[in-house]
Amino acid sequence: MDKMIARFSTQLEEALGIAEKTTIKKHTSPYRSIFISGLGGSGIGGNFVQELTREHCKLPIVVSKGYQAPAWVNKHTLAICSSYSGNTEETLSTFHQLLGTGAHIVCVSSGGKLIELAKQHNLDYVQLPGGWSSPRACLGYSVVAQLGVLRALRLIPGKLLSQIKGAQKLIVKEEADLKKKALKIAQFLVEKTPVLYTADHNEAVAIRWRQQINENAKMLCWHHVVPEMNHNELVGWRNNRPEIAVIWLRNKDDYERTSIRMNINKEIVEHFTSTSIEVWSKGKNQIERAFYLVHFGDWVSYFLADVRNVDSIEIKVIEYLKGELAKV
């Protein structure tokens, strides 16, 4: 896992090359919506696309992480099916439902049934490099490939892909410092339950941290966003919770009122837990800051697995679940 995490900057560079060469057939109807289907490490890519393009893409983007396509999908929808393995059960189910909607379907995968079906139905697809044992380590491929699809269709400006290059350079520059800080934070989290709080426009980053802590470190974790958590979860901070470690994922460009709220929230929460850590992003734009925090969190999850003496790659319980499902 450490070798795969260390290759993240190289992965971004490779993914950018794929995105820049992506061509998509012209659809017969104008687009009015974008639908993305994906689960786990492939699904989180859709969350990032949704957040990173919201100031640039004029169409609504909906990310689905289940078996079914919504009723509103039609010939005016761009539908992206994302599965690194190409064999994700839920995504394949959604794909088959999309076939009858008239939507413009684009598949993003390293192979498997999804690419086979795309070829069979003469659909657009973006094929990712294979050989990665953990799809969750392929986030760069997933996000950048989907951005490449949107750029090829002129739904987002090309500058977003240029910012990916900036993110790649930033990560290379900050790698050693990131690892040093990540190890320190991982040591704070041992024997704790991590709770992640961030601004609403940064939720994909918090989801990524949570999922990586779940899978790599084999720990429960939860997240929430500000200001929404101020209307519910904040009331739950009522008693001393020394077993909880709170991590505040922050950006200097967070909306002013949201930033003020987070400062007040931090003051409140610190009455009930002594482990409260701020992690500030670096970067000149949202893409750079998001990928900086992603890479930071990936290292935290790896070091947390290491200090807990667990295998960061092993996912036996998921494999057991899939095996049981296959019997039905």
C-alpha atoms as a PDB file:
ATOM      1  CA  MET A   1       0.000   0.000   0.000  1.00  0.00           C
ATOM      2  CA  ASP A   2       2.831   2.416   0.796  1.00  0.00           C
ATOM      3  CA  LYS A   3       4.260   1.870  -2.697  1.00  0.00           C
ATOM      4  CA  MET A   4       0.858   2.587  -4.286  1.00  0.00           C
ATOM      5  CA  ILE A   5       0.368   5.727  -2.200  1.00  0.00           C
ATOM      6  CA  ALA A   6       3.877   6.897  -3.085  1.00  0.00           C
ATOM      7  CA  ARG A   7       2.963   6.573  -6.785  1.00  0.00           C
ATOM      8  CA  PHE A   8       0.042   9.002  -6.484  1.00  0.00           C
ATOM      9  CA  SER A   9       1.885  11.895  -8.148  1.00  0.00           C
ATOM     10  CA  THR A  10       2.966   9.619 -10.997  1.00  0.00           C
ATOM     11  CA  GLN A  11      -0.602   8.341 -11.282  1.00  0.00           C
ATOM     12  CA  LEU A  12      -1.916  11.890 -11.654  1.00  0.00           C
ATOM     13  CA  GLU A  13       0.585  12.506 -14.431  1.00  0.00           C
ATOM     14  CA  GLU A  14      -0.409   9.298 -16.231  1.00  0.00           C
ATOM     15  CA  ALA A  15      -4.110  10.062 -15.771  1.00  0.00           C
ATOM     16  CA  LEU A  16      -3.634  13.542 -17.191  1.00  0.00           C
ATOM     17  CA  GLY A  17      -2.090  12.024 -20.318  1.00  0.00           C
ATOM     18  CA  ILE A  18      -5.125   9.742 -20.691  1.00  0.00           C
ATOM     19  CA  ALA A  19      -7.562  12.622 -20.139  1.00  0.00           C
ATOM     20  CA  GLU A  20      -5.882  14.860 -22.675  1.00  0.00           C
ATOM     21  CA  LYS A  21      -6.217  12.146 -25.338  1.00  0.00           C
ATOM     22  CA  THR A  22      -9.853  11.299 -24.538  1.00  0.00           C
ATOM     23  CA  THR A  23     -12.323  11.726 -27.378  1.00  0.00           C
ATOM     24  CA  ILE A  24     -16.059  11.149 -27.036  1.00  0.00           C
ATOM     25  CA  LYS A  25     -18.634  10.721 -29.800  1.00  0.00           C
ATOM     26  CA  LYS A  26     -21.111  13.545 -30.319  1.00  0.00           C
ATOM     27  CA  HIS A  27     -24.461  12.804 -28.672  1.00  0.00           C
ATOM     28  CA  THR A  28     -27.703  13.278 -30.590  1.00  0.00           C
ATOM     29  CA  SER A  29     -29.399  15.405 -27.907  1.00  0.00           C
ATOM     30  CA  PRO A  30     -28.192  18.359 -25.816  1.00  0.00           C
ATOM     31  CA  TYR A  31     -27.163  17.530 -22.262  1.00  0.00           C
ATOM     32  CA  ARG A  32     -29.273  18.735 -19.361  1.00  0.00           C
ATOM     33  CA  SER A  33     -27.873  16.553 -16.560  1.00  0.00           C
ATOM     34  CA  ILE A  34     -24.917  14.368 -15.605  1.00  0.00           C
ATOM     35  CA  PHE A  35     -25.285  11.078 -13.755  1.00  0.00           C
ATOM     36  CA  ILE A  36     -22.305   9.193 -12.306  1.00  0.00           C
ATOM     37  CA  SER A  37     -22.560   5.616 -11.026  1.00  0.00           C
ATOM     38  CA  GLY A  38     -19.761   4.144  -8.917  1.00  0.00           C
ATOM     39  CA  LEU A  39     -19.016   2.449  -5.603  1.00  0.00           C
ATOM     40  CA  GLY A  40     -16.126   2.537  -3.135  1.00  0.00           C
ATOM     41  CA  GLY A  41     -12.812   3.690  -4.538  1.00  0.00           C
ATOM     42  CA  SER A  42     -14.441   4.256  -7.929  1.00  0.00           C
ATOM     43  CA  GLY A  43     -17.507   5.985  -6.512  1.00  0.00           C
ATOM     44  CA  ILE A  44     -15.516   8.553  -4.524  1.00  0.00           C
ATOM     45  CA  GLY A  45     -14.090   9.764  -7.844  1.00  0.00           C
ATOM     46  CA  GLY A  46     -17.600  10.903  -8.760  1.00  0.00           C
ATOM     47  CA  ASN A  47     -17.859  12.880  -5.523  1.00  0.00           C
ATOM     48  CA  PHE A  48     -14.668  14.729  -6.368  1.00  0.00           C
ATOM     49  CA  VAL A  49     -15.836  15.469  -9.910  1.00  0.00           C
ATOM     50  CA  GLN A  50     -19.105  16.810  -8.513  1.00  0.00           C
ATOM     51  CA  GLU A  51     -17.334  19.148  -6.084  1.00  0.00           C
ATOM     52  CA  LEU A  52     -14.377  20.220  -8.224  1.00  0.00           C
ATOM     53  CA  THR A  53     -16.601  21.259 -11.148  1.00  0.00           C
ATOM     54  CA  ARG A  54     -19.504  22.932  -9.376  1.00  0.00           C
ATOM     55  CA  GLU A  55     -18.208  26.431 -10.125  1.00  0.00           C
ATOM     56  CA  HIS A  56     -17.502  25.547 -13.749  1.00  0.00           C
ATOM     57  CA  CYS A  57     -20.070  23.010 -14.999  1.00  0.00           C
ATOM     58  CA  LYS A  58     -23.510  24.475 -15.698  1.00  0.00           C
ATOM     59  CA  LEU A  59     -25.265  21.114 -15.533  1.00  0.00           C
ATOM     60  CA  PRO A  60     -26.370  19.370 -12.328  1.00  0.00           C
ATOM     61  CA  ILE A  61     -24.234  16.355 -11.409  1.00  0.00           C
ATOM     62  CA  VAL A  62     -25.706  13.498  -9.362  1.00  0.00           C
ATOM     63  CA  VAL A  63     -23.568  10.668  -7.987  1.00  0.00           C
ATOM     64  CA  SER A  64     -25.234   7.291  -7.340  1.00  0.00           C
ATOM     65  CA  LYS A  65     -23.820   4.537  -5.125  1.00  0.00           C
ATOM     66  CA  GLY A  66     -26.425   1.847  -5.474  1.00  0.00           C
ATOM     67  CA  TYR A  67     -28.078  -0.559  -7.889  1.00  0.00           C
ATOM     68  CA  GLN A  68     -30.608   1.700  -9.574  1.00  0.00           C
ATOM     69  CA  ALA A  69     -30.677   4.539 -12.060  1.00  0.00           C
ATOM     70  CA  PRO A  70     -33.122   7.372 -11.233  1.00  0.00           C
ATOM     71  CA  ALA A  71     -36.260   7.887 -13.298  1.00  0.00           C
ATOM     72  CA  TRP A  72     -35.152  11.311 -14.578  1.00  0.00           C
ATOM     73  CA  VAL A  73     -32.248   9.886 -16.618  1.00  0.00           C
ATOM     74  CA  ASN A  74     -33.102  10.278 -20.317  1.00  0.00           C
ATOM     75  CA  LYS A  75     -31.653  11.160 -23.715  1.00  0.00           C
ATOM     76  CA  HIS A  76     -30.491  14.501 -22.323  1.00  0.00           C
ATOM     77  CA  THR A  77     -28.283  12.821 -19.687  1.00  0.00           C
ATOM     78  CA  LEU A  78     -24.573  12.113 -19.802  1.00  0.00           C
ATOM     79  CA  ALA A  79     -24.184   8.915 -17.748  1.00  0.00           C
ATOM     80  CA  ILE A  80     -20.725   7.883 -16.548  1.00  0.00           C
ATOM     81  CA  CYS A  81     -20.279   4.353 -15.181  1.00  0.00           C
ATOM     82  CA  SER A  82     -17.096   4.120 -13.116  1.00  0.00           C
ATOM     83  CA  SER A  83     -15.626   0.839 -11.875  1.00  0.00           C
ATOM     84  CA  TYR A  84     -11.879   0.261 -11.730  1.00  0.00           C
ATOM     85  CA  SER A  85     -12.237  -3.527 -11.912  1.00  0.00           C
ATOM     86  CA  GLY A  86     -15.136  -3.331 -14.338  1.00  0.00           C
ATOM     87  CA  ASN A  87     -16.980  -5.963 -12.316  1.00  0.00           C
ATOM     88  CA  THR A  88     -18.713  -3.956  -9.584  1.00  0.00           C
ATOM     89  CA  GLU A  89     -22.137  -5.565  -9.137  1.00  0.00           C
ATOM     90  CA  GLU A  90     -24.075  -2.386  -8.389  1.00  0.00           C
ATOM     91  CA  THR A  91     -22.522  -0.407 -11.262  1.00  0.00           C
ATOM     92  CA  LEU A  92     -23.225  -3.199 -13.742  1.00  0.00           C
ATOM     93  CA  SER A  93     -26.848  -3.297 -12.581  1.00  0.00           C
ATOM     94  CA  THR A  94     -27.142   0.441 -13.133  1.00  0.00           C
ATOM     95  CA  PHE A  95     -25.444   0.168 -16.525  1.00  0.00           C
ATOM     96  CA  HIS A  96     -28.071  -2.267 -17.811  1.00  0.00           C
ATOM     97  CA  GLN A  97     -30.867   0.070 -16.678  1.00  0.00           C
ATOM     98  CA  LEU A  98     -29.206   2.999 -18.438  1.00  0.00           C
ATOM     99  CA  LEU A  99     -29.235   1.173 -21.776  1.00  0.00           C
ATOM    100  CA  GLY A 100     -32.959   1.748 -22.192  1.00  0.00           C
ATOM    101  CA  THR A 101     -32.964   5.439 -21.270  1.00  0.00           C
ATOM    102  CA  GLY A 102     -31.351   6.968 -24.331  1.00  0.00           C
ATOM    103  CA  ALA A 103     -28.641   8.495 -22.123  1.00  0.00           C
ATOM    104  CA  HIS A 104     -25.145   8.971 -23.502  1.00  0.00           C
ATOM    105  CA  ILE A 105     -23.229   6.284 -21.593  1.00  0.00           C
ATOM    106  CA  VAL A 106     -19.477   6.527 -21.045  1.00  0.00           C
ATOM    107  CA  CYS A 107     -17.657   3.770 -19.136  1.00  0.00           C
ATOM    108  CA  VAL A 108     -14.477   4.350 -17.111  1.00  0.00           C
ATOM    109  CA  SER A 109     -12.635   1.174 -16.122  1.00  0.00           C
ATOM    110  CA  SER A 110      -9.422  -0.835 -16.390  1.00  0.00           C
ATOM    111  CA  GLY A 111     -11.295  -3.722 -18.010  1.00  0.00           C
ATOM    112  CA  GLY A 112     -13.683  -6.436 -16.851  1.00  0.00           C
ATOM    113  CA  LYS A 113     -17.323  -6.768 -17.829  1.00  0.00           C
ATOM    114  CA  LEU A 114     -17.887  -3.019 -18.047  1.00  0.00           C
ATOM    115  CA  ILE A 115     -15.405  -2.544 -20.890  1.00  0.00           C
ATOM    116  CA  GLU A 116     -16.718  -5.698 -22.582  1.00  0.00           C
ATOM    117  CA  LEU A 117     -20.265  -4.301 -22.455  1.00  0.00           C
ATOM    118  CA  ALA A 118     -19.131  -0.902 -23.707  1.00  0.00           C
ATOM    119  CA  LYS A 119     -17.517  -2.551 -26.736  1.00  0.00           C
ATOM    120  CA  GLN A 120     -20.516  -4.840 -27.271  1.00  0.00           C
ATOM    121  CA  HIS A 121     -22.919  -1.879 -27.374  1.00  0.00           C
ATOM    122  CA  ASN A 122     -20.517   0.411 -29.266  1.00  0.00           C
ATOM    123  CA  LEU A 123     -20.352   2.873 -26.366  1.00  0.00           C
ATOM    124  CA  ASP A 124     -17.669   5.350 -25.429  1.00  0.00           C
ATOM    125  CA  TYR A 125     -15.203   4.204 -22.790  1.00  0.00           C
ATOM    126  CA  VAL A 126     -11.976   5.305 -21.136  1.00  0.00           C
ATOM    127  CA  GLN A 127      -9.682   2.399 -20.304  1.00  0.00           C
ATOM    128  CA  LEU A 128      -7.467   2.895 -17.259  1.00  0.00           C
ATOM    129  CA  PRO A 129      -4.136   1.161 -16.591  1.00  0.00           C
ATOM    130  CA  GLY A 130      -4.620  -2.204 -14.891  1.00  0.00           C
ATOM    131  CA  GLY A 131      -2.522  -4.105 -12.394  1.00  0.00           C
ATOM    132  CA  TRP A 132      -3.327  -2.161  -9.223  1.00  0.00           C
ATOM    133  CA  SER A 133      -4.325  -4.588  -6.479  1.00  0.00           C
ATOM    134  CA  SER A 134      -6.431  -2.045  -4.553  1.00  0.00           C
ATOM    135  CA  PRO A 135      -8.949   0.036  -6.549  1.00  0.00           C
ATOM    136  CA  ARG A 136      -9.030   2.582  -3.713  1.00  0.00           C
ATOM    137  CA  ALA A 137      -5.413   3.418  -4.598  1.00  0.00           C
ATOM    138  CA  CYS A 138      -6.536   4.470  -8.102  1.00  0.00           C
ATOM    139  CA  LEU A 139      -8.410   7.637  -7.152  1.00  0.00           C
ATOM    140  CA  GLY A 140      -6.234   9.786  -9.410  1.00  0.00           C
ATOM    141  CA  TYR A 141      -7.129   7.724 -12.461  1.00  0.00           C
ATOM    142  CA  SER A 142     -10.839   7.841 -11.612  1.00  0.00           C
ATOM    143  CA  VAL A 143     -11.130  11.582 -10.980  1.00  0.00           C
ATOM    144  CA  VAL A 144      -8.937  12.765 -13.820  1.00  0.00           C
ATOM    145  CA  ALA A 145     -10.434  10.362 -16.379  1.00  0.00           C
ATOM    146  CA  GLN A 146     -13.939  11.616 -15.570  1.00  0.00           C
ATOM    147  CA  LEU A 147     -12.784  15.225 -15.777  1.00  0.00           C
ATOM    148  CA  GLY A 148     -11.290  14.301 -19.141  1.00  0.00           C
ATOM    149  CA  VAL A 149     -14.695  13.068 -20.335  1.00  0.00           C
ATOM    150  CA  LEU A 150     -16.346  16.336 -19.300  1.00  0.00           C
ATOM    151  CA  ARG A 151     -13.564  18.355 -20.933  1.00  0.00           C
ATOM    152  CA  ALA A 152     -13.831  16.362 -24.186  1.00  0.00           C
ATOM    153  CA  LEU A 153     -17.527  17.260 -24.288  1.00  0.00           C
ATOM    154  CA  ARG A 154     -16.730  20.910 -23.457  1.00  0.00           C
ATOM    155  CA  LEU A 155     -18.755  20.806 -20.266  1.00  0.00           C
ATOM    156  CA  ILE A 156     -15.847  22.143 -18.194  1.00  0.00           C
ATOM    157  CA  PRO A 157     -12.926  24.418 -19.109  1.00  0.00           C
ATOM    158  CA  GLY A 158      -9.529  22.995 -19.971  1.00  0.00           C
ATOM    159  CA  LYS A 159      -7.883  24.909 -17.135  1.00  0.00           C
ATOM    160  CA  LEU A 160      -9.125  22.288 -14.666  1.00  0.00           C
ATOM    161  CA  LEU A 161      -6.857  19.707 -16.288  1.00  0.00           C
ATOM    162  CA  SER A 162      -3.989  22.194 -16.124  1.00  0.00           C
ATOM    163  CA  GLN A 163      -4.613  22.463 -12.391  1.00  0.00           C
ATOM    164  CA  ILE A 164      -4.153  18.689 -12.095  1.00  0.00           C
ATOM    165  CA  LYS A 165      -0.563  19.217 -13.262  1.00  0.00           C
ATOM    166  CA  GLY A 166      -0.149  21.849 -10.566  1.00  0.00           C
ATOM    167  CA  ALA A 167      -1.467  19.386  -7.972  1.00  0.00           C
ATOM    168  CA  GLN A 168       0.984  16.760  -9.159  1.00  0.00           C
ATOM    169  CA  LYS A 169       3.927  19.143  -8.763  1.00  0.00           C
ATOM    170  CA  LEU A 170       2.708  20.260  -5.325  1.00  0.00           C
ATOM    171  CA  ILE A 171       2.539  16.672  -4.066  1.00  0.00           C
ATOM    172  CA  VAL A 172       6.057  15.920  -5.306  1.00  0.00           C
ATOM    173  CA  LYS A 173       7.330  19.046  -3.538  1.00  0.00           C
ATOM    174  CA  GLU A 174       5.493  18.316  -0.261  1.00  0.00           C
ATOM    175  CA  GLU A 175       5.872  14.521  -0.150  1.00  0.00           C
ATOM    176  CA  ALA A 176       8.491  14.279   2.597  1.00  0.00           C
ATOM    177  CA  ASP A 177       6.769  16.851   4.812  1.00  0.00           C
ATOM    178  CA  LEU A 178       3.377  15.213   4.260  1.00  0.00           C
ATOM    179  CA  LYS A 179       4.663  11.828   5.395  1.00  0.00           C
ATOM    180  CA  LYS A 180       6.278  13.322   8.484  1.00  0.00           C
ATOM    181  CA  LYS A 181       3.070  15.113   9.520  1.00  0.00           C
ATOM    182  CA  ALA A 182       0.892  12.118   8.641  1.00  0.00           C
ATOM    183  CA  LEU A 183       2.902   9.790  10.882  1.00  0.00           C
ATOM    184  CA  LYS A 184       2.534  12.210  13.795  1.00  0.00           C
ATOM    185  CA  ILE A 185      -1.246  12.419  13.330  1.00  0.00           C
ATOM    186  CA  ALA A 186      -1.535   8.626  12.988  1.00  0.00           C
ATOM    187  CA  GLN A 187       0.136   8.243  16.370  1.00  0.00           C
ATOM    188  CA  PHE A 188      -2.501  10.534  17.910  1.00  0.00           C
ATOM    189  CA  LEU A 189      -5.298   8.383  16.442  1.00  0.00           C
ATOM    190  CA  VAL A 190      -4.238   5.002  17.824  1.00  0.00           C
ATOM    191  CA  GLU A 191      -6.945   3.584  20.119  1.00  0.00           C
ATOM    192  CA  LYS A 192      -9.224   6.504  19.213  1.00  0.00           C
ATOM    193  CA  THR A 193     -12.329   6.816  17.033  1.00  0.00           C
ATOM    194  CA  PRO A 194     -11.549   9.463  14.403  1.00  0.00           C
ATOM    195  CA  VAL A 195     -14.218  12.079  13.628  1.00  0.00           C
ATOM    196  CA  LEU A 196     -13.686  14.305  10.604  1.00  0.00           C
ATOM    197  CA  TYR A 197     -15.204  17.758  10.159  1.00  0.00           C
ATOM    198  CA  THR A 198     -14.820  19.996   7.127  1.00  0.00           C
ATOM    199  CA  ALA A 199     -16.580  22.667   5.069  1.00  0.00           C
ATOM    200  CA  ASP A 200     -19.473  21.520   2.893  1.00  0.00           C
ATOM    201  CA  HIS A 201     -17.627  22.129  -0.397  1.00  0.00           C
ATOM    202  CA  ASN A 202     -14.820  19.856   0.855  1.00  0.00           C
ATOM    203  CA  GLU A 203     -16.907  16.799   1.760  1.00  0.00           C
ATOM    204  CA  ALA A 204     -15.324  14.498  -0.841  1.00  0.00           C
ATOM    205  CA  VAL A 205     -12.001  14.922   0.951  1.00  0.00           C
ATOM    206  CA  ALA A 206     -13.568  13.951   4.294  1.00  0.00           C
ATOM    207  CA  ILE A 207     -15.244  10.924   2.694  1.00  0.00           C
ATOM    208  CA  ARG A 208     -11.891   9.873   1.266  1.00  0.00           C
ATOM    209  CA  TRP A 209     -10.182  10.160   4.673  1.00  0.00           C
ATOM    210  CA  ARG A 210     -13.003   8.151   6.277  1.00  0.00           C
ATOM    211  CA  GLN A 211     -12.920   5.397   3.663  1.00  0.00           C
ATOM    212  CA  GLN A 212      -9.142   5.084   3.798  1.00  0.00           C
ATOM    213  CA  ILE A 213      -9.153   4.864   7.593  1.00  0.00           C
ATOM    214  CA  ASN A 214     -11.896   2.221   7.326  1.00  0.00           C
ATOM    215  CA  GLU A 215     -10.133   0.059   4.738  1.00  0.00           C
ATOM    216  CA  ASN A 216      -6.445   0.618   5.381  1.00  0.00           C
ATOM    217  CA  ALA A 217      -6.429   0.992   9.181  1.00  0.00           C
ATOM    218  CA  LYS A 218      -9.458  -1.279   9.818  1.00  0.00           C
ATOM    219  CA  MET A 219     -11.129   1.309  12.062  1.00  0.00           C
ATOM    220  CA  LEU A 220     -14.537   2.855  12.406  1.00  0.00           C
ATOM    221  CA  CYS A 221     -14.660   6.556  11.597  1.00  0.00           C
ATOM    222  CA  TRP A 222     -17.288   9.142  10.741  1.00  0.00           C
ATOM    223  CA  HIS A 223     -17.470  12.562   9.131  1.00  0.00           C
ATOM    224  CA  HIS A 224     -19.796  15.530   8.900  1.00  0.00           C
ATOM    225  CA  VAL A 225     -19.769  18.950   7.229  1.00  0.00           C
ATOM    226  CA  VAL A 226     -20.147  22.502   8.432  1.00  0.00           C
ATOM    227  CA  PRO A 227     -22.595  24.235   8.471  1.00  0.00           C
ATOM    228  CA  GLU A 228     -24.993  21.241   8.360  1.00  0.00           C
ATOM    229  CA  MET A 229     -23.576  19.625  11.510  1.00  0.00           C
ATOM    230  CA  ASN A 230     -24.334  22.857  13.384  1.00  0.00           C
ATOM    231  CA  HIS A 231     -28.024  22.037  12.983  1.00  0.00           C
ATOM    232  CA  ASN A 232     -27.843  18.553  14.516  1.00  0.00           C
ATOM    233  CA  GLU A 233     -24.593  16.741  15.410  1.00  0.00           C
ATOM    234  CA  LEU A 234     -23.157  19.624  17.433  1.00  0.00           C
ATOM    235  CA  VAL A 235     -25.846  18.987  20.061  1.00  0.00           C
ATOM    236  CA  GLY A 236     -24.451  15.463  20.470  1.00  0.00           C
ATOM    237  CA  TRP A 237     -21.290  16.912  21.990  1.00  0.00           C
ATOM    238  CA  ARG A 238     -22.623  16.934  25.535  1.00  0.00           C
ATOM    239  CA  ASN A 239     -20.422  14.558  27.561  1.00  0.00           C
ATOM    240  CA  ASN A 240     -16.686  13.885  27.855  1.00  0.00           C
ATOM    241  CA  ARG A 241     -15.515  11.673  24.979  1.00  0.00           C
ATOM    242  CA  PRO A 242     -11.789  11.039  25.487  1.00  0.00           C
ATOM    243  CA  GLU A 243     -11.924   8.097  23.073  1.00  0.00           C
ATOM    244  CA  ILE A 244     -12.773  10.394  20.146  1.00  0.00           C
ATOM    245  CA  ALA A 245     -10.137  12.213  18.106  1.00  0.00           C
ATOM    246  CA  VAL A 246     -11.455  15.106  16.016  1.00  0.00           C
ATOM    247  CA  ILE A 247      -9.679  16.166  12.825  1.00  0.00           C
ATOM    248  CA  TRP A 248     -10.611  19.499  11.237  1.00  0.00           C
ATOM    249  CA  LEU A 249      -9.866  19.494   7.490  1.00  0.00           C
ATOM    250  CA  ARG A 250      -9.529  23.155   6.581  1.00  0.00           C
ATOM    251  CA  ASN A 251      -8.830  25.472   3.659  1.00  0.00           C
ATOM    252  CA  LYS A 252      -7.901  29.135   3.777  1.00  0.00           C
ATOM    253  CA  ASP A 253     -10.538  29.830   1.104  1.00  0.00           C
ATOM    254  CA  ASP A 254     -13.428  28.244   3.041  1.00  0.00           C
ATOM    255  CA  TYR A 255     -16.494  30.476   2.985  1.00  0.00           C
ATOM    256  CA  GLU A 256     -16.018  33.168   5.644  1.00  0.00           C
ATOM    257  CA  ARG A 257     -19.093  32.337   7.724  1.00  0.00           C
ATOM    258  CA  THR A 258     -18.283  28.623   7.529  1.00  0.00           C
ATOM    259  CA  SER A 259     -14.752  29.295   8.738  1.00  0.00           C
ATOM    260  CA  ILE A 260     -16.078  31.301  11.690  1.00  0.00           C
ATOM    261  CA  ARG A 261     -18.449  28.452  12.510  1.00  0.00           C
ATOM    262  CA  MET A 262     -15.588  25.941  12.480  1.00  0.00           C
ATOM    263  CA  ASN A 263     -13.588  28.068  14.916  1.00  0.00           C
ATOM    264  CA  ILE A 264     -16.538  28.165  17.317  1.00  0.00           C
ATOM    265  CA  ASN A 265     -17.228  24.448  16.817  1.00  0.00           C
ATOM    266  CA  LYS A 266     -13.625  23.629  17.647  1.00  0.00           C
ATOM    267  CA  GLU A 267     -13.871  25.630  20.863  1.00  0.00           C
ATOM    268  CA  ILE A 268     -17.052  23.764  21.858  1.00  0.00           C
ATOM    269  CA  VAL A 269     -15.771  20.284  20.982  1.00  0.00           C
ATOM    270  CA  GLU A 270     -12.516  20.778  22.866  1.00  0.00           C
ATOM    271  CA  HIS A 271     -14.495  20.920  26.096  1.00  0.00           C
ATOM    272  CA  PHE A 272     -15.258  17.206  25.602  1.00  0.00           C
ATOM    273  CA  THR A 273     -12.133  15.718  23.987  1.00  0.00           C
ATOM    274  CA  SER A 274      -8.455  16.541  24.321  1.00  0.00           C
ATOM    275  CA  THR A 275      -7.562  15.243  20.853  1.00  0.00           C
ATOM    276  CA  SER A 276      -8.483  17.945  18.358  1.00  0.00           C
ATOM    277  CA  ILE A 277      -6.225  18.406  15.331  1.00  0.00           C
ATOM    278  CA  GLU A 278      -6.382  20.946  12.507  1.00  0.00           C
ATOM    279  CA  VAL A 279      -5.076  19.903   9.089  1.00  0.00           C
ATOM    280  CA  TRP A 280      -4.707  22.821   6.684  1.00  0.00           C
ATOM    281  CA  SER A 281      -4.462  22.345   2.944  1.00  0.00           C
ATOM    282  CA  LYS A 282      -1.852  23.835   0.636  1.00  0.00           C
ATOM    283  CA  GLY A 283      -2.288  24.903  -2.974  1.00  0.00           C
ATOM    284  CA  LYS A 284      -3.307  27.759  -5.255  1.00  0.00           C
ATOM    285  CA  ASN A 285      -6.756  26.442  -6.235  1.00  0.00           C
ATOM    286  CA  GLN A 286      -9.410  23.952  -5.146  1.00  0.00           C
ATOM    287  CA  ILE A 287      -7.958  21.045  -7.124  1.00  0.00           C
ATOM    288  CA  GLU A 288      -4.476  21.489  -5.674  1.00  0.00           C
ATOM    289  CA  ARG A 289      -5.838  21.830  -2.149  1.00  0.00           C
ATOM    290  CA  ALA A 290      -8.131  18.804  -2.510  1.00  0.00           C
ATOM    291  CA  PHE A 291      -5.415  16.490  -3.812  1.00  0.00           C
ATOM    292  CA  TYR A 292      -2.971  17.728  -1.178  1.00  0.00           C
ATOM    293  CA  LEU A 293      -5.429  16.738   1.559  1.00  0.00           C
ATOM    294  CA  VAL A 294      -6.238  13.444  -0.177  1.00  0.00           C
ATOM    295  CA  HIS A 295      -2.587  12.454  -0.251  1.00  0.00           C
ATOM    296  CA  PHE A 296      -2.159  13.582   3.357  1.00  0.00           C
ATOM    297  CA  GLY A 297      -5.074  11.371   4.431  1.00  0.00           C
ATOM    298  CA  ASP A 298      -3.824   8.384   2.454  1.00  0.00           C
ATOM    299  CA  TRP A 299      -0.521   8.520   4.337  1.00  0.00           C
ATOM    300  CA  VAL A 300      -2.316   8.940   7.670  1.00  0.00           C
ATOM    301  CA  SER A 301      -4.366   5.797   6.985  1.00  0.00           C
ATOM    302  CA  TYR A 302      -1.271   3.820   5.980  1.00  0.00           C
ATOM    303  CA  PHE A 303       0.761   4.841   9.032  1.00  0.00           C
ATOM    304  CA  LEU A 304      -2.248   4.182  11.253  1.00  0.00           C
ATOM    305  CA  ALA A 305      -2.425   0.645   9.865  1.00  0.00           C
ATOM    306  CA  ASP A 306       1.301   0.274  10.471  1.00  0.00           C
ATOM    307  CA  VAL A 307       1.246   1.391  14.123  1.00  0.00           C
ATOM    308  CA  ARG A 308      -1.834  -0.806  14.701  1.00  0.00           C
ATOM    309  CA  ASN A 309       0.019  -3.735  13.091  1.00  0.00           C
ATOM    310  CA  VAL A 310      -2.709  -4.510  10.560  1.00  0.00           C
ATOM    311  CA  ASP A 311      -2.440  -5.290   6.841  1.00  0.00           C
ATOM    312  CA  SER A 312      -3.464  -2.153   4.961  1.00  0.00           C
ATOM    313  CA  ILE A 313      -4.314  -4.122   1.789  1.00  0.00           C
ATOM    314  CA  GLU A 314      -6.367  -6.949   3.332  1.00  0.00           C
ATOM    315  CA  ILE A 315     -10.166  -6.641   2.920  1.00  0.00           C
ATOM    316  CA  LYS A 316     -11.290 -10.175   3.843  1.00  0.00           C
ATOM    317  CA  VAL A 317     -14.677  -9.106   5.174  1.00  0.00           C
ATOM    318  CA  ILE A 318     -15.579  -7.471   1.839  1.00  0.00           C
ATOM    319  CA  GLU A 319     -14.435 -10.579  -0.010  1.00  0.00           C
ATOM    320  CA  TYR A 320     -16.587 -12.690   2.341  1.00  0.00           C
ATOM    321  CA  LEU A 321     -19.599 -10.443   1.638  1.00  0.00           C
ATOM    322  CA  LYS A 322     -19.121 -10.782  -2.112  1.00  0.00           C
ATOM    323  CA  GLY A 323     -18.822 -14.538  -1.755  1.00  0.00           C
ATOM    324  CA  GLU A 324     -22.073 -14.747   0.195  1.00  0.00           C
ATOM    325  CA  LEU A 325     -23.847 -12.504  -2.318  1.00  0.00           C
ATOM    326  CA  ALA A 326     -22.651 -14.747  -5.148  1.00  0.00           C
ATOM    327  CA  LYS A 327     -24.593 -17.640  -3.582  1.00  0.00           C
ATOM    328  CA  VAL A 328     -27.887 -15.759  -3.933  1.00  0.00           C
END
